[in-house]
Amino acid sequence: MLVGNKSDLRHLRAVETDEAMSFSEQHNLAFIETSALDASGVDTAFQRILTEIYRLMSRRNIQAEEAANATTLGDGQKINLNDTSTNTKPGCCGTN
């Protein structure tokens, strides 16, 4: 986020609004002008940056949960359910 401060002092600008907006677009940044003197834009700037932080942290948490829940299966072991010649055990109550 690019924040232009002291927007109330327009006659003393070092960077014009158009130039700042162009820069922020080129660098994929949000742009807002603020003034503590007349309290313009300050609340909005804080809300936007906090919203962006929350969005990024939520995305990071979701990705971490997905990675933790991902299971990787190995080759495993084949089991033949029709083969009764091996591992024969008596049935219930000693009957076969």
Protein backbone atom coordinates (compact mmCIF):
# COMPACT_ATOMS: atom_id res chain seq x y z
CA MET A 1 0.00 0.00 0.00
CA LEU A 2 1.26 3.44 -0.92
CA VAL A 3 0.03 6.19 1.40
CA GLY A 4 0.43 9.84 0.52
CA ASN A 5 0.41 11.85 3.73
CA LYS A 6 -0.22 15.54 4.41
CA SER A 7 -2.75 15.72 1.59
CA ASP A 8 -4.04 18.96 3.13
CA LEU A 9 -0.79 20.71 2.08
CA ARG A 10 -1.44 20.53 -1.68
CA HIS A 11 0.73 23.56 -2.44
CA LEU A 12 3.80 21.86 -0.90
CA ARG A 13 3.52 18.53 -2.76
CA ALA A 14 6.72 16.79 -3.75
CA VAL A 15 4.81 14.12 -5.70
CA GLU A 16 1.62 14.78 -7.63
CA THR A 17 -1.40 12.51 -7.09
CA ASP A 18 -1.32 11.28 -10.70
CA GLU A 19 2.33 10.30 -10.40
CA ALA A 20 1.70 8.43 -7.15
CA MET A 21 -1.31 6.64 -8.64
CA SER A 22 0.70 5.63 -11.69
CA PHE A 23 3.52 4.31 -9.51
CA SER A 24 1.12 2.33 -7.33
CA GLU A 25 -0.55 0.76 -10.40
CA GLN A 26 2.83 -0.20 -11.89
CA HIS A 27 3.84 -1.91 -8.65
CA ASN A 28 0.42 -3.44 -7.92
CA LEU A 29 -0.10 -1.36 -4.78
CA ALA A 30 -3.19 0.22 -3.32
CA PHE A 31 -2.95 4.01 -3.12
CA ILE A 32 -4.61 6.43 -0.72
CA GLU A 33 -3.96 9.98 0.40
CA THR A 34 -4.30 10.93 4.05
CA SER A 35 -4.18 13.95 6.29
CA ALA A 36 -3.86 13.76 10.04
CA LEU A 37 -4.74 17.45 10.25
CA ASP A 38 -8.28 17.01 8.93
CA ALA A 39 -8.43 13.23 9.59
CA SER A 40 -9.18 12.41 5.98
CA GLY A 41 -8.28 8.95 4.72
CA VAL A 42 -6.57 7.79 7.91
CA ASP A 43 -9.32 5.37 9.00
CA THR A 44 -9.69 4.09 5.46
CA ALA A 45 -5.94 3.48 5.15
CA PHE A 46 -5.89 1.47 8.38
CA GLN A 47 -8.97 -0.53 7.41
CA ARG A 48 -7.56 -1.37 3.98
CA ILE A 49 -4.16 -2.47 5.27
CA LEU A 50 -5.70 -4.54 8.09
CA THR A 51 -8.11 -6.17 5.63
CA GLU A 52 -5.22 -7.05 3.32
CA ILE A 53 -3.17 -8.50 6.20
CA TYR A 54 -6.16 -10.58 7.31
CA ARG A 55 -6.74 -11.83 3.75
CA LEU A 56 -3.10 -12.83 3.31
CA MET A 57 -2.90 -14.54 6.71
CA SER A 58 -6.14 -16.43 6.07
CA ARG A 59 -4.84 -17.66 2.72
CA ARG A 60 -1.56 -18.74 4.35
CA ASN A 61 -3.44 -20.62 7.10
CA ILE A 62 -5.67 -22.39 4.58
CA GLN A 63 -2.65 -23.45 2.53
CA ALA A 64 -0.89 -24.73 5.66
CA GLU A 65 -3.97 -26.74 6.68
CA GLU A 66 -4.29 -28.21 3.20
CA ALA A 67 -0.63 -29.21 3.23
CA ALA A 68 -0.99 -30.80 6.67
CA ASN A 69 -4.08 -32.73 5.60
CA ALA A 70 -2.59 -33.94 2.33
CA THR A 71 -1.85 -37.63 2.43
CA THR A 72 0.67 -39.36 0.27
CA LEU A 73 0.10 -42.99 -0.44
CA GLY A 74 3.01 -45.32 -0.98
CA ASP A 75 3.02 -48.47 -3.06
CA GLY A 76 1.22 -50.38 -0.32
CA GLN A 77 0.71 -54.11 -0.04
CA LYS A 78 -1.62 -56.21 -2.16
CA ILE A 79 -4.06 -58.47 -0.35
CA ASN A 80 -5.83 -61.31 -2.11
CA LEU A 81 -9.19 -61.83 -0.40
CA ASN A 82 -9.96 -64.98 -2.38
CA ASP A 83 -6.83 -66.89 -1.31
CA THR A 84 -7.77 -69.24 1.58
CA SER A 85 -4.62 -71.37 1.43
CA THR A 86 -2.55 -69.12 3.67
CA ASN A 87 -3.23 -67.94 7.15
CA THR A 88 -6.11 -70.27 7.82
CA LYS A 89 -7.45 -69.82 11.32
CA PRO A 90 -10.32 -71.57 12.96
CA GLY A 91 -13.65 -69.77 12.75
CA CYS A 92 -15.74 -68.67 15.67
CA CYS A 93 -15.88 -70.98 18.65
CA GLY A 94 -13.20 -73.31 17.26
CA THR A 95 -15.11 -74.31 14.11
CA ASN A 96 -13.55 -74.07 10.70
